[in-house]
Structures are given as structure tokens and as C-alpha cells.
Amino acid sequence: MPPPKATPKVNVAPRLPPLPKLRVRRPNKAEVNPCAGIMASVLGCWASNGQSAEGCVALEQQLRACMDIPVSQQFLKTAGNSPDA
């Protein structure tokens, strides 16, 4: 008598219950960091003048001021899908 044939197992995704309302936050947009442009300027200044260059002090202070702002104020202020919107 031949051995029984093994049937391949098929992975099926589990079904979720229906949702009354589905919200998607920024589906196709990466989060934009407002400090990224200033940081690029600081890094470029350091690359061309050296890390302890006096000409980069103003850019470093702008970057520090930008980085000191809490994330919730920077990102959620303009978010289209913010919880209070």
C-alpha cells in the first residue's frame, strides 16, 4: 500500500472584523523634518570649513533652536490627520 500523499499547506491571512471607520495617517508621505535643511547646511559648512569653523556658528545656533522645539509642536501643528482635526 503506497504512503498517503502530503498536501501542501496554504497560508491564509486571518480575516479581521469589519471596521466602522478606517483612518490612514499620511499614507504616501514621509514625515518631513523641518530641521533637515538646516542640518544639511551645518554639515556642508563643516565639510568645507572644518568642524570648529567660526563661520558655522550662526548655522549651529539655528539648528540648536530648531532641535529644541518639541516634536509635537513641529509635526502635529500642520498634520492633516491630527487627532483634534
PDB file of N, CA and C in Angstrom:
ATOM      1  N   MET A   1       0.844  -1.163   0.000  1.00  0.00           N
ATOM      2  CA  MET A   1       0.000   0.000   0.000  1.00  0.00           C
ATOM      3  C   MET A   1       0.905   1.247   0.000  1.00  0.00           C
ATOM      4  N   PRO A   2       0.709   2.214  -0.931  1.00  0.00           N
ATOM      5  CA  PRO A   2       1.560   3.410  -1.006  1.00  0.00           C
ATOM      6  C   PRO A   2       1.248   4.373   0.154  1.00  0.00           C
ATOM      7  N   PRO A   3       2.272   5.147   0.581  1.00  0.00           N
ATOM      8  CA  PRO A   3       2.033   6.110   1.668  1.00  0.00           C
ATOM      9  C   PRO A   3       1.105   7.224   1.199  1.00  0.00           C
ATOM     10  N   PRO A   4       0.341   7.816   2.128  1.00  0.00           N
ATOM     11  CA  PRO A   4      -0.575   8.893   1.725  1.00  0.00           C
ATOM     12  C   PRO A   4       0.210  10.123   1.257  1.00  0.00           C
ATOM     13  N   LYS A   5      -0.337  10.817   0.276  1.00  0.00           N
ATOM     14  CA  LYS A   5       0.321  11.997  -0.278  1.00  0.00           C
ATOM     15  C   LYS A   5       0.133  13.180   0.671  1.00  0.00           C
ATOM     16  N   ALA A   6       1.215  13.901   0.872  1.00  0.00           N
ATOM     17  CA  ALA A   6       1.141  15.084   1.733  1.00  0.00           C
ATOM     18  C   ALA A   6       0.599  16.253   0.918  1.00  0.00           C
ATOM     19  N   THR A   7      -0.390  16.913   1.447  1.00  0.00           N
ATOM     20  CA  THR A   7      -0.948  18.076   0.760  1.00  0.00           C
ATOM     21  C   THR A   7      -0.220  19.324   1.251  1.00  0.00           C
ATOM     22  N   PRO A   8       0.173  20.199   0.347  1.00  0.00           N
ATOM     23  CA  PRO A   8       0.882  21.412   0.781  1.00  0.00           C
ATOM     24  C   PRO A   8      -0.057  22.331   1.557  1.00  0.00           C
ATOM     25  N   LYS A   9       0.455  22.906   2.626  1.00  0.00           N
ATOM     26  CA  LYS A   9      -0.348  23.812   3.422  1.00  0.00           C
ATOM     27  C   LYS A   9      -0.303  25.202   2.798  1.00  0.00           C
ATOM     28  N   VAL A  10      -1.446  25.824   2.736  1.00  0.00           N
ATOM     29  CA  VAL A  10      -1.564  27.150   2.157  1.00  0.00           C
ATOM     30  C   VAL A  10      -1.764  28.132   3.309  1.00  0.00           C
ATOM     31  N   ASN A  11      -0.885  29.129   3.396  1.00  0.00           N
ATOM     32  CA  ASN A  11      -1.032  30.143   4.434  1.00  0.00           C
ATOM     33  C   ASN A  11      -2.088  31.144   4.003  1.00  0.00           C
ATOM     34  N   VAL A  12      -3.119  31.262   4.785  1.00  0.00           N
ATOM     35  CA  VAL A  12      -4.196  32.187   4.502  1.00  0.00           C
ATOM     36  C   VAL A  12      -4.168  33.270   5.573  1.00  0.00           C
ATOM     37  N   ALA A  13      -4.243  34.511   5.142  1.00  0.00           N
ATOM     38  CA  ALA A  13      -4.241  35.616   6.092  1.00  0.00           C
ATOM     39  C   ALA A  13      -5.526  35.575   6.910  1.00  0.00           C
ATOM     40  N   PRO A  14      -5.425  35.841   8.206  1.00  0.00           N
ATOM     41  CA  PRO A  14      -6.643  35.814   9.024  1.00  0.00           C
ATOM     42  C   PRO A  14      -7.574  36.960   8.651  1.00  0.00           C
ATOM     43  N   ARG A  15      -8.837  36.718   8.729  1.00  0.00           N
ATOM     44  CA  ARG A  15      -9.848  37.728   8.419  1.00  0.00           C
ATOM     45  C   ARG A  15     -10.084  38.571   9.661  1.00  0.00           C
ATOM     46  N   LEU A  16     -10.159  39.877   9.474  1.00  0.00           N
ATOM     47  CA  LEU A  16     -10.415  40.794  10.575  1.00  0.00           C
ATOM     48  C   LEU A  16     -11.878  41.212  10.547  1.00  0.00           C
ATOM     49  N   PRO A  17     -12.417  41.555  11.717  1.00  0.00           N
ATOM     50  CA  PRO A  17     -13.808  42.021  11.721  1.00  0.00           C
ATOM     51  C   PRO A  17     -13.909  43.364  11.012  1.00  0.00           C
ATOM     52  N   PRO A  18     -15.068  43.685  10.453  1.00  0.00           N
ATOM     53  CA  PRO A  18     -15.212  44.959   9.738  1.00  0.00           C
ATOM     54  C   PRO A  18     -15.069  46.147  10.686  1.00  0.00           C
ATOM     55  N   LEU A  19     -14.469  47.198  10.186  1.00  0.00           N
ATOM     56  CA  LEU A  19     -14.283  48.413  10.971  1.00  0.00           C
ATOM     57  C   LEU A  19     -15.308  49.449  10.539  1.00  0.00           C
ATOM     58  N   PRO A  20     -15.895  50.176  11.493  1.00  0.00           N
ATOM     59  CA  PRO A  20     -16.867  51.184  11.090  1.00  0.00           C
ATOM     60  C   PRO A  20     -16.227  52.352  10.347  1.00  0.00           C
ATOM     61  N   LYS A  21     -14.991  52.683  10.702  1.00  0.00           N
ATOM     62  CA  LYS A  21     -14.304  53.797  10.057  1.00  0.00           C
ATOM     63  C   LYS A  21     -12.809  53.536  10.114  1.00  0.00           C
ATOM     64  N   LEU A  22     -12.154  53.621   8.977  1.00  0.00           N
ATOM     65  CA  LEU A  22     -10.721  53.385   8.909  1.00  0.00           C
ATOM     66  C   LEU A  22     -10.019  54.689   8.598  1.00  0.00           C
ATOM     67  N   ARG A  23      -9.044  55.033   9.429  1.00  0.00           N
ATOM     68  CA  ARG A  23      -8.270  56.250   9.203  1.00  0.00           C
ATOM     69  C   ARG A  23      -6.835  55.882   8.867  1.00  0.00           C
ATOM     70  N   VAL A  24      -6.300  56.534   7.872  1.00  0.00           N
ATOM     71  CA  VAL A  24      -4.915  56.328   7.476  1.00  0.00           C
ATOM     72  C   VAL A  24      -4.211  57.659   7.606  1.00  0.00           C
ATOM     73  N   ARG A  25      -3.144  57.669   8.378  1.00  0.00           N
ATOM     74  CA  ARG A  25      -2.373  58.900   8.565  1.00  0.00           C
ATOM     75  C   ARG A  25      -1.280  58.995   7.525  1.00  0.00           C
ATOM     76  N   ARG A  26      -1.298  60.047   6.745  1.00  0.00           N
ATOM     77  CA  ARG A  26      -0.291  60.321   5.728  1.00  0.00           C
ATOM     78  C   ARG A  26       0.111  59.055   4.980  1.00  0.00           C
ATOM     79  N   PRO A  27      -0.739  58.512   4.162  1.00  0.00           N
ATOM     80  CA  PRO A  27      -0.476  57.207   3.564  1.00  0.00           C
ATOM     81  C   PRO A  27       0.743  57.155   2.650  1.00  0.00           C
ATOM     82  N   ASN A  28       0.987  58.184   1.866  1.00  0.00           N
ATOM     83  CA  ASN A  28       2.086  58.118   0.905  1.00  0.00           C
ATOM     84  C   ASN A  28       3.126  59.201   1.127  1.00  0.00           C
ATOM     85  N   LYS A  29       3.135  59.789   2.295  1.00  0.00           N
ATOM     86  CA  LYS A  29       4.080  60.865   2.554  1.00  0.00           C
ATOM     87  C   LYS A  29       5.029  60.479   3.678  1.00  0.00           C
ATOM     88  N   ALA A  30       6.290  60.722   3.462  1.00  0.00           N
ATOM     89  CA  ALA A  30       7.255  60.540   4.533  1.00  0.00           C
ATOM     90  C   ALA A  30       7.173  61.760   5.451  1.00  0.00           C
ATOM     91  N   GLU A  31       7.461  61.544   6.717  1.00  0.00           N
ATOM     92  CA  GLU A  31       7.415  62.660   7.644  1.00  0.00           C
ATOM     93  C   GLU A  31       8.565  63.614   7.323  1.00  0.00           C
ATOM     94  N   VAL A  32       8.227  64.865   7.203  1.00  0.00           N
ATOM     95  CA  VAL A  32       9.207  65.873   6.852  1.00  0.00           C
ATOM     96  C   VAL A  32       9.759  66.478   8.133  1.00  0.00           C
ATOM     97  N   ASN A  33      11.058  66.473   8.261  1.00  0.00           N
ATOM     98  CA  ASN A  33      11.692  67.064   9.420  1.00  0.00           C
ATOM     99  C   ASN A  33      12.051  68.498   9.072  1.00  0.00           C
ATOM    100  N   PRO A  34      11.497  69.483   9.775  1.00  0.00           N
ATOM    101  CA  PRO A  34      11.784  70.871   9.436  1.00  0.00           C
ATOM    102  C   PRO A  34      13.238  71.264   9.694  1.00  0.00           C
ATOM    103  N   CYS A  35      13.954  70.488  10.497  1.00  0.00           N
ATOM    104  CA  CYS A  35      15.348  70.805  10.805  1.00  0.00           C
ATOM    105  C   CYS A  35      16.330  70.184   9.809  1.00  0.00           C
ATOM    106  N   ALA A  36      15.837  69.392   8.873  1.00  0.00           N
ATOM    107  CA  ALA A  36      16.726  68.688   7.948  1.00  0.00           C
ATOM    108  C   ALA A  36      17.497  69.653   7.052  1.00  0.00           C
ATOM    109  N   GLY A  37      16.858  70.712   6.582  1.00  0.00           N
ATOM    110  CA  GLY A  37      17.548  71.677   5.721  1.00  0.00           C
ATOM    111  C   GLY A  37      18.663  72.407   6.448  1.00  0.00           C
ATOM    112  N   ILE A  38      18.381  72.805   7.691  1.00  0.00           N
ATOM    113  CA  ILE A  38      19.408  73.498   8.485  1.00  0.00           C
ATOM    114  C   ILE A  38      20.549  72.536   8.800  1.00  0.00           C
ATOM    115  N   MET A  39      20.212  71.289   9.108  1.00  0.00           N
ATOM    116  CA  MET A  39      21.259  70.306   9.410  1.00  0.00           C
ATOM    117  C   MET A  39      22.150  70.076   8.191  1.00  0.00           C
ATOM    118  N   ALA A  40      21.562  70.023   7.009  1.00  0.00           N
ATOM    119  CA  ALA A  40      22.356  69.849   5.793  1.00  0.00           C
ATOM    120  C   ALA A  40      23.291  71.039   5.594  1.00  0.00           C
ATOM    121  N   SER A  41      22.806  72.241   5.912  1.00  0.00           N
ATOM    122  CA  SER A  41      23.651  73.430   5.790  1.00  0.00           C
ATOM    123  C   SER A  41      24.811  73.386   6.769  1.00  0.00           C
ATOM    124  N   VAL A  42      24.543  72.941   8.008  1.00  0.00           N
ATOM    125  CA  VAL A  42      25.614  72.840   9.014  1.00  0.00           C
ATOM    126  C   VAL A  42      26.646  71.815   8.573  1.00  0.00           C
ATOM    127  N   LEU A  43      26.201  70.667   8.109  1.00  0.00           N
ATOM    128  CA  LEU A  43      27.137  69.630   7.676  1.00  0.00           C
ATOM    129  C   LEU A  43      27.961  70.081   6.474  1.00  0.00           C
ATOM    130  N   GLY A  44      27.328  70.800   5.557  1.00  0.00           N
ATOM    131  CA  GLY A  44      28.067  71.329   4.410  1.00  0.00           C
ATOM    132  C   GLY A  44      29.091  72.366   4.832  1.00  0.00           C
ATOM    133  N   CYS A  45      28.735  73.207   5.795  1.00  0.00           N
ATOM    134  CA  CYS A  45      29.671  74.211   6.303  1.00  0.00           C
ATOM    135  C   CYS A  45      30.857  73.533   6.979  1.00  0.00           C
ATOM    136  N   TRP A  46      30.565  72.520   7.793  1.00  0.00           N
ATOM    137  CA  TRP A  46      31.643  71.794   8.455  1.00  0.00           C
ATOM    138  C   TRP A  46      32.538  71.085   7.442  1.00  0.00           C
ATOM    139  N   ALA A  47      31.941  70.537   6.391  1.00  0.00           N
ATOM    140  CA  ALA A  47      32.731  69.812   5.397  1.00  0.00           C
ATOM    141  C   ALA A  47      33.672  70.744   4.644  1.00  0.00           C
ATOM    142  N   SER A  48      33.224  71.969   4.390  1.00  0.00           N
ATOM    143  CA  SER A  48      34.064  72.874   3.618  1.00  0.00           C
ATOM    144  C   SER A  48      35.008  73.709   4.483  1.00  0.00           C
ATOM    145  N   ASN A  49      34.644  73.980   5.732  1.00  0.00           N
ATOM    146  CA  ASN A  49      35.458  74.862   6.566  1.00  0.00           C
ATOM    147  C   ASN A  49      36.085  74.191   7.769  1.00  0.00           C
ATOM    148  N   GLY A  50      35.713  72.999   8.078  1.00  0.00           N
ATOM    149  CA  GLY A  50      36.198  72.341   9.283  1.00  0.00           C
ATOM    150  C   GLY A  50      35.155  72.444  10.386  1.00  0.00           C
ATOM    151  N   GLN A  51      35.175  71.493  11.311  1.00  0.00           N
ATOM    152  CA  GLN A  51      34.113  71.405  12.306  1.00  0.00           C
ATOM    153  C   GLN A  51      34.125  72.570  13.286  1.00  0.00           C
ATOM    154  N   SER A  52      35.263  73.129  13.588  1.00  0.00           N
ATOM    155  CA  SER A  52      35.320  74.214  14.566  1.00  0.00           C
ATOM    156  C   SER A  52      35.425  75.582  13.887  1.00  0.00           C
ATOM    157  N   ALA A  53      34.906  75.701  12.692  1.00  0.00           N
ATOM    158  CA  ALA A  53      34.992  76.954  11.946  1.00  0.00           C
ATOM    159  C   ALA A  53      34.069  77.997  12.565  1.00  0.00           C
ATOM    160  N   GLU A  54      34.536  79.224  12.614  1.00  0.00           N
ATOM    161  CA  GLU A  54      33.752  80.318  13.189  1.00  0.00           C
ATOM    162  C   GLU A  54      32.590  80.714  12.277  1.00  0.00           C
ATOM    163  N   GLY A  55      32.698  80.466  11.001  1.00  0.00           N
ATOM    164  CA  GLY A  55      31.644  80.839  10.064  1.00  0.00           C
ATOM    165  C   GLY A  55      30.396  79.987  10.202  1.00  0.00           C
ATOM    166  N   CYS A  56      30.495  78.864  10.883  1.00  0.00           N
ATOM    167  CA  CYS A  56      29.359  77.952  11.015  1.00  0.00           C
ATOM    168  C   CYS A  56      28.567  78.187  12.302  1.00  0.00           C
ATOM    169  N   VAL A  57      28.980  79.120  13.114  1.00  0.00           N
ATOM    170  CA  VAL A  57      28.350  79.325  14.428  1.00  0.00           C
ATOM    171  C   VAL A  57      26.881  79.718  14.276  1.00  0.00           C
ATOM    172  N   ALA A  58      26.573  80.599  13.347  1.00  0.00           N
ATOM    173  CA  ALA A  58      25.187  81.043  13.165  1.00  0.00           C
ATOM    174  C   ALA A  58      24.302  79.876  12.744  1.00  0.00           C
ATOM    175  N   LEU A  59      24.799  79.033  11.847  1.00  0.00           N
ATOM    176  CA  LEU A  59      24.028  77.868  11.419  1.00  0.00           C
ATOM    177  C   LEU A  59      23.838  76.873  12.566  1.00  0.00           C
ATOM    178  N   GLU A  60      24.882  76.701  13.384  1.00  0.00           N
ATOM    179  CA  GLU A  60      24.778  75.793  14.522  1.00  0.00           C
ATOM    180  C   GLU A  60      23.729  76.286  15.507  1.00  0.00           C
ATOM    181  N   GLN A  61      23.666  77.591  15.732  1.00  0.00           N
ATOM    182  CA  GLN A  61      22.672  78.145  16.654  1.00  0.00           C
ATOM    183  C   GLN A  61      21.256  77.979  16.092  1.00  0.00           C
ATOM    184  N   GLN A  62      21.097  78.145  14.782  1.00  0.00           N
ATOM    185  CA  GLN A  62      19.782  77.922  14.171  1.00  0.00           C
ATOM    186  C   GLN A  62      19.347  76.466  14.322  1.00  0.00           C
ATOM    187  N   LEU A  63      20.301  75.552  14.139  1.00  0.00           N
ATOM    188  CA  LEU A  63      19.992  74.137  14.279  1.00  0.00           C
ATOM    189  C   LEU A  63      19.622  73.807  15.715  1.00  0.00           C
ATOM    190  N   ARG A  64      20.350  74.351  16.676  1.00  0.00           N
ATOM    191  CA  ARG A  64      20.021  74.107  18.080  1.00  0.00           C
ATOM    192  C   ARG A  64      18.630  74.626  18.415  1.00  0.00           C
ATOM    193  N   ALA A  65      18.292  75.818  17.932  1.00  0.00           N
ATOM    194  CA  ALA A  65      16.972  76.382  18.196  1.00  0.00           C
ATOM    195  C   ALA A  65      15.879  75.512  17.572  1.00  0.00           C
ATOM    196  N   CYS A  66      16.125  75.000  16.382  1.00  0.00           N
ATOM    197  CA  CYS A  66      15.151  74.143  15.719  1.00  0.00           C
ATOM    198  C   CYS A  66      14.992  72.818  16.463  1.00  0.00           C
ATOM    199  N   MET A  67      16.101  72.236  16.899  1.00  0.00           N
ATOM    200  CA  MET A  67      16.058  70.947  17.580  1.00  0.00           C
ATOM    201  C   MET A  67      15.466  71.055  18.986  1.00  0.00           C
ATOM    202  N   ASP A  68      15.479  72.236  19.580  1.00  0.00           N
ATOM    203  CA  ASP A  68      14.931  72.417  20.919  1.00  0.00           C
ATOM    204  C   ASP A  68      13.413  72.469  20.928  1.00  0.00           C
ATOM    205  N   ILE A  69      12.785  72.700  19.782  1.00  0.00           N
ATOM    206  CA  ILE A  69      11.330  72.724  19.700  1.00  0.00           C
ATOM    207  C   ILE A  69      10.827  71.292  19.853  1.00  0.00           C
ATOM    208  N   PRO A  70       9.858  71.059  20.755  1.00  0.00           N
ATOM    209  CA  PRO A  70       9.345  69.695  20.927  1.00  0.00           C
ATOM    210  C   PRO A  70       8.744  69.144  19.632  1.00  0.00           C
ATOM    211  N   VAL A  71       8.843  67.847  19.452  1.00  0.00           N
ATOM    212  CA  VAL A  71       8.392  67.201  18.222  1.00  0.00           C
ATOM    213  C   VAL A  71       6.898  67.404  18.020  1.00  0.00           C
ATOM    214  N   SER A  72       6.128  67.376  19.081  1.00  0.00           N
ATOM    215  CA  SER A  72       4.682  67.504  18.928  1.00  0.00           C
ATOM    216  C   SER A  72       4.301  68.847  18.321  1.00  0.00           C
ATOM    217  N   GLN A  73       5.024  69.901  18.642  1.00  0.00           N
ATOM    218  CA  GLN A  73       4.718  71.209  18.076  1.00  0.00           C
ATOM    219  C   GLN A  73       5.176  71.308  16.629  1.00  0.00           C
ATOM    220  N   GLN A  74       6.299  70.686  16.286  1.00  0.00           N
ATOM    221  CA  GLN A  74       6.819  70.767  14.926  1.00  0.00           C
ATOM    222  C   GLN A  74       5.949  69.995  13.951  1.00  0.00           C
ATOM    223  N   PHE A  75       5.610  68.740  14.271  1.00  0.00           N
ATOM    224  CA  PHE A  75       4.950  67.864  13.313  1.00  0.00           C
ATOM    225  C   PHE A  75       3.435  67.938  13.375  1.00  0.00           C
ATOM    226  N   LEU A  76       2.860  67.975  14.555  1.00  0.00           N
ATOM    227  CA  LEU A  76       1.414  67.895  14.666  1.00  0.00           C
ATOM    228  C   LEU A  76       0.717  69.202  14.351  1.00  0.00           C
ATOM    229  N   LYS A  77       1.451  70.292  14.327  1.00  0.00           N
ATOM    230  CA  LYS A  77       0.831  71.583  14.048  1.00  0.00           C
ATOM    231  C   LYS A  77       0.248  71.611  12.642  1.00  0.00           C
ATOM    232  N   THR A  78       0.907  70.963  11.685  1.00  0.00           N
ATOM    233  CA  THR A  78       0.455  71.004  10.294  1.00  0.00           C
ATOM    234  C   THR A  78      -0.106  69.676   9.820  1.00  0.00           C
ATOM    235  N   ALA A  79      -0.264  68.706  10.711  1.00  0.00           N
ATOM    236  CA  ALA A  79      -0.732  67.388  10.294  1.00  0.00           C
ATOM    237  C   ALA A  79      -2.181  67.443   9.870  1.00  0.00           C
ATOM    238  N   GLY A  80      -2.495  66.889   8.727  1.00  0.00           N
ATOM    239  CA  GLY A  80      -3.857  66.881   8.225  1.00  0.00           C
ATOM    240  C   GLY A  80      -4.753  65.913   8.981  1.00  0.00           C
ATOM    241  N   ASN A  81      -4.181  64.845   9.496  1.00  0.00           N
ATOM    242  CA  ASN A  81      -4.956  63.837  10.202  1.00  0.00           C
ATOM    243  C   ASN A  81      -4.704  63.891  11.710  1.00  0.00           C
ATOM    244  N   SER A  82      -4.450  65.042  12.251  1.00  0.00           N
ATOM    245  CA  SER A  82      -4.197  65.133  13.683  1.00  0.00           C
ATOM    246  C   SER A  82      -5.457  64.742  14.443  1.00  0.00           C
ATOM    247  N   PRO A  83      -5.319  64.218  15.668  1.00  0.00           N
ATOM    248  CA  PRO A  83      -6.471  63.754  16.415  1.00  0.00           C
ATOM    249  C   PRO A  83      -7.520  64.837  16.664  1.00  0.00           C
ATOM    250  N   ASP A  84      -7.124  66.088  16.787  1.00  0.00           N
ATOM    251  CA  ASP A  84      -8.077  67.141  17.053  1.00  0.00           C
ATOM    252  C   ASP A  84      -8.638  67.755  15.772  1.00  0.00           C
ATOM    253  N   ALA A  85      -8.226  67.253  14.610  1.00  0.00           N
ATOM    254  CA  ALA A  85      -8.744  67.800  13.343  1.00  0.00           C
ATOM    255  C   ALA A  85     -10.003  67.101  12.923  1.00  0.00           C
TER     256      ALA A  85
END
